Amino acid sequence: MIDVVAKNLKDLRKKNGYTQEQVSDYLGITQSNLSKIENGERNFNMTLLDKLCLLYNCSPEYLIGETDLYEKSTIAFRSDEKVDLNVVAKMNEITGFLKLLRSLDGVD
């Protein structure tokens, strides 16, 4: 399972156009640790799992390979600005809440 998680994390980072440096800064870990996680050489805790799911707008089940349902975030930023991954994660969280509220209200 750790190989699936490692592959999914690396794929998600690349699909979203982030560097290891950006993601490791966002997670508060070293780039070396992130590299080890992405290569299946190191595990990570639930706090990092939550942060990664918010950043990549995915479920924990997607990361561990239990589902293949994934919808890339559609938030756009100006290309001339440095992207703050904390802002990306927060926006993904907000849009997730909005989708949940719409589904509870019967609007979709």
Protein backbone atom coordinates (compact mmCIF):
# COMPACT_ATOMS: atom_id res chain seq x y z
CA MET A 1 0.00 0.00 0.00
CA ILE A 2 2.86 2.41 0.73
CA ASP A 3 3.95 2.18 -2.93
CA VAL A 4 0.45 3.19 -4.08
CA VAL A 5 0.42 6.17 -1.71
CA ALA A 6 3.90 7.22 -2.81
CA LYS A 7 2.97 7.02 -6.49
CA ASN A 8 -0.30 8.90 -5.99
CA LEU A 9 1.43 11.68 -4.04
CA LYS A 10 4.12 12.15 -6.66
CA ASP A 11 1.54 12.07 -9.49
CA LEU A 12 -0.70 14.60 -7.74
CA ARG A 13 2.19 16.97 -7.10
CA LYS A 14 3.23 16.83 -10.73
CA LYS A 15 -0.35 17.12 -12.07
CA ASN A 16 -0.80 20.27 -10.02
CA GLY A 17 2.54 21.71 -11.10
CA TYR A 18 4.08 21.98 -7.64
CA THR A 19 7.70 21.44 -6.73
CA GLN A 20 8.85 19.30 -3.83
CA GLU A 21 10.12 22.48 -2.22
CA GLN A 22 6.68 24.12 -2.37
CA VAL A 23 4.88 21.09 -0.97
CA SER A 24 7.45 20.43 1.75
CA ASP A 25 7.24 24.09 2.85
CA TYR A 26 3.43 23.81 2.96
CA LEU A 27 3.63 20.61 5.02
CA GLY A 28 6.33 21.95 7.33
CA ILE A 29 8.76 19.13 6.59
CA THR A 30 12.08 18.99 4.78
CA GLN A 31 12.28 18.40 1.06
CA SER A 32 14.31 15.29 1.84
CA ASN A 33 11.45 13.88 3.94
CA LEU A 34 8.92 14.61 1.20
CA SER A 35 11.16 12.88 -1.32
CA LYS A 36 11.33 9.82 0.94
CA ILE A 37 7.53 9.82 1.32
CA GLU A 38 7.08 10.09 -2.46
CA ASN A 39 9.53 7.23 -2.98
CA GLY A 40 7.85 4.96 -0.43
CA GLU A 41 10.76 5.08 2.00
CA ARG A 42 8.98 6.90 4.81
CA ASN A 43 5.46 6.98 6.26
CA PHE A 44 3.59 10.10 7.31
CA ASN A 45 1.05 10.93 9.99
CA MET A 46 -2.66 11.80 9.87
CA THR A 47 -1.96 15.53 10.10
CA LEU A 48 0.07 15.38 6.88
CA LEU A 49 -2.59 13.19 5.29
CA ASP A 50 -5.26 15.80 6.04
CA LYS A 51 -3.10 18.62 4.69
CA LEU A 52 -2.30 16.68 1.52
CA CYS A 53 -5.96 15.88 0.89
CA LEU A 54 -6.86 19.55 1.24
CA LEU A 55 -4.02 20.64 -1.01
CA TYR A 56 -4.81 18.16 -3.77
CA ASN A 57 -8.58 18.26 -3.29
CA CYS A 58 -8.78 14.49 -2.89
CA SER A 59 -10.01 11.95 -0.38
CA PRO A 60 -7.78 9.81 1.83
CA GLU A 61 -9.28 6.82 0.00
CA TYR A 62 -7.88 8.17 -3.26
CA LEU A 63 -4.40 8.57 -1.78
CA ILE A 64 -4.32 5.02 -0.46
CA GLY A 65 -5.71 3.60 -3.70
CA GLU A 66 -9.14 2.50 -2.50
CA THR A 67 -10.88 4.64 -5.13
CA ASP A 68 -9.90 6.27 -8.38
CA LEU A 69 -12.37 9.15 -8.02
CA TYR A 70 -10.42 12.39 -8.24
CA GLU A 71 -11.42 15.84 -9.40
CA LYS A 72 -8.55 18.25 -9.89
CA SER A 73 -9.17 21.63 -8.32
CA THR A 74 -10.32 24.29 -10.75
CA ILE A 75 -9.00 27.26 -8.81
CA ALA A 76 -6.93 29.51 -11.07
CA PHE A 77 -4.15 31.85 -10.00
CA ARG A 78 -2.27 34.42 -12.00
CA SER A 79 0.81 32.84 -13.48
CA ASP A 80 3.04 35.77 -12.56
CA GLU A 81 2.44 35.32 -8.84
CA LYS A 82 3.99 32.79 -6.48
CA VAL A 83 1.23 30.40 -5.44
CA ASP A 84 0.69 30.09 -1.69
CA LEU A 85 -0.24 26.45 -1.13
CA ASN A 86 -1.92 27.34 2.18
CA VAL A 87 -4.33 29.50 0.18
CA VAL A 88 -4.89 26.71 -2.35
CA ALA A 89 -5.70 24.24 0.44
CA LYS A 90 -8.07 26.68 2.14
CA MET A 91 -9.87 27.42 -1.13
CA ASN A 92 -10.23 23.68 -1.78
CA GLU A 93 -11.67 23.27 1.71
CA ILE A 94 -14.16 26.08 1.15
CA THR A 95 -15.27 24.77 -2.25
CA GLY A 96 -15.69 21.32 -0.69
CA PHE A 97 -17.96 22.77 1.98
CA LEU A 98 -19.95 24.64 -0.66
CA LYS A 99 -20.43 21.44 -2.69
CA LEU A 100 -21.59 19.64 0.45
CA LEU A 101 -24.08 22.40 1.27
CA ARG A 102 -25.42 22.35 -2.29
CA SER A 103 -25.90 18.59 -2.17
CA LEU A 104 -27.69 18.83 1.18
CA ASP A 105 -29.93 21.53 -0.25
CA GLY A 106 -30.67 19.40 -3.30
CA VAL A 107 -28.90 21.81 -5.68
CA ASP A 108 -26.22 20.30 -7.87
